[in-house]
Amino acid sequence: MDAAIYVQRMLDAYRATPGACGVVRKPDRAFAQQLFARGVPLEAVENAFVLAASRRLARPANAPPLGVIRSLAYFSPVIDEVLASPVSQDYYRYLRARLAQCRR
């Protein structure tokens, strides 16, 4: 996959992530290009989006509301976590299904 496709797919996934503002800024595009240059698999980034969104939705009902995610860099620690932890793809499929249920 070339850089342009990688970045576009990542930014599309970012826009679709629950809790993200849906607006892509110049620093977001630069961050995506950095991830490509580092060789970070797109699947790992998409898994990080799912993991972070799931965690945000799993908060206690009485917790104060979280702000909107306004930067792709917000996911940087979660991307690193996904890269460092050998979690089954089944878990991420499960989280995706749970997020889909929440959107209904």
Protein backbone atom coordinates (compact mmCIF):
# COMPACT_ATOMS: atom_id res chain seq x y z
CA MET A 1 0.00 0.00 0.00
CA ASP A 2 1.41 3.41 -0.87
CA ALA A 3 1.50 6.36 1.51
CA ALA A 4 -1.43 8.24 0.00
CA ILE A 5 -3.81 5.28 0.29
CA TYR A 6 -2.59 4.48 3.81
CA VAL A 7 -3.10 8.06 4.98
CA GLN A 8 -6.52 8.35 3.32
CA ARG A 9 -7.78 5.09 4.81
CA MET A 10 -6.50 6.09 8.24
CA LEU A 11 -8.14 9.51 8.08
CA ASP A 12 -11.41 7.95 6.90
CA ALA A 13 -11.34 5.56 9.86
CA TYR A 14 -10.51 8.46 12.21
CA ARG A 15 -13.47 10.48 10.91
CA ALA A 16 -15.78 7.50 11.50
CA THR A 17 -14.55 6.85 15.05
CA PRO A 18 -17.19 7.58 17.70
CA GLY A 19 -16.17 10.59 19.77
CA ALA A 20 -13.96 12.12 17.06
CA CYS A 21 -14.96 15.49 15.68
CA GLY A 22 -14.77 14.21 12.11
CA VAL A 23 -12.61 17.10 10.91
CA VAL A 24 -9.12 16.39 9.61
CA ARG A 25 -6.51 19.07 10.11
CA LYS A 26 -3.02 19.45 8.66
CA PRO A 27 -1.33 18.02 11.83
CA ASP A 28 -3.59 14.94 11.58
CA ARG A 29 -2.43 14.29 8.04
CA ALA A 30 1.21 14.80 9.11
CA PHE A 31 0.77 12.38 12.02
CA ALA A 32 -0.73 9.77 9.68
CA GLN A 33 2.24 10.17 7.35
CA GLN A 34 4.61 9.71 10.31
CA LEU A 35 2.87 6.47 11.22
CA PHE A 36 3.27 5.27 7.64
CA ALA A 37 6.97 6.18 7.71
CA ARG A 38 7.38 4.23 10.97
CA GLY A 39 5.79 1.19 9.34
CA VAL A 40 2.83 1.05 11.73
CA PRO A 41 0.26 -1.36 10.27
CA LEU A 42 -3.02 0.31 9.36
CA GLU A 43 -4.85 -2.50 11.15
CA ALA A 44 -3.09 -1.58 14.41
CA VAL A 45 -4.20 2.04 14.07
CA GLU A 46 -7.78 1.01 13.32
CA ASN A 47 -7.70 -1.33 16.33
CA ALA A 48 -6.50 1.58 18.47
CA PHE A 49 -9.46 3.68 17.31
CA VAL A 50 -11.84 0.89 18.27
CA LEU A 51 -10.18 0.31 21.63
CA ALA A 52 -10.15 3.99 22.58
CA ALA A 53 -13.74 4.56 21.46
CA SER A 54 -14.87 1.49 23.42
CA ARG A 55 -13.15 2.72 26.55
CA ARG A 56 -14.76 6.13 26.22
CA LEU A 57 -18.21 4.56 25.86
CA ALA A 58 -17.72 2.16 28.78
CA ARG A 59 -17.51 4.94 31.36
CA PRO A 60 -19.89 5.04 34.32
CA ALA A 61 -23.21 6.73 33.58
CA ASN A 62 -22.62 9.36 36.26
CA ALA A 63 -19.16 10.31 35.01
CA PRO A 64 -18.79 13.78 33.54
CA PRO A 65 -19.02 13.83 29.75
CA LEU A 66 -15.81 13.66 27.77
CA GLY A 67 -14.90 16.26 25.20
CA VAL A 68 -14.76 15.59 21.50
CA ILE A 69 -11.52 14.12 20.14
CA ARG A 70 -10.04 16.86 17.99
CA SER A 71 -6.71 15.35 17.02
CA LEU A 72 -5.47 12.11 15.57
CA ALA A 73 -2.53 12.39 17.98
CA TYR A 74 -5.00 11.67 20.83
CA PHE A 75 -4.71 8.02 19.80
CA SER A 76 -0.91 7.89 19.91
CA PRO A 77 -0.63 6.14 23.32
CA VAL A 78 -3.34 3.67 22.37
CA ILE A 79 -1.60 2.90 19.07
CA ASP A 80 1.58 2.18 21.03
CA GLU A 81 -0.40 -0.02 23.43
CA VAL A 82 -1.93 -2.00 20.57
CA LEU A 83 1.48 -2.49 19.00
CA ALA A 84 2.95 -3.68 22.30
CA SER A 85 0.19 -6.08 23.32
CA PRO A 86 -0.52 -9.33 21.50
CA VAL A 87 -4.31 -9.27 21.58
CA SER A 88 -6.36 -11.52 19.34
CA GLN A 89 -8.11 -9.95 16.36
CA ASP A 90 -11.24 -11.64 17.70
CA TYR A 91 -11.23 -9.16 20.58
CA TYR A 92 -11.16 -6.20 18.20
CA ARG A 93 -13.96 -7.75 16.14
CA TYR A 94 -15.96 -8.08 19.36
CA LEU A 95 -15.33 -4.41 20.20
CA ARG A 96 -16.35 -3.36 16.70
CA ALA A 97 -19.60 -5.27 17.06
CA ARG A 98 -20.26 -3.64 20.44
CA LEU A 99 -19.63 -0.19 19.00
CA ALA A 100 -22.00 -0.92 16.14
CA GLN A 101 -24.70 -1.85 18.68
CA CYS A 102 -24.15 1.41 20.55
CA ARG A 103 -24.65 3.43 17.38
CA ARG A 104 -28.13 2.03 16.80
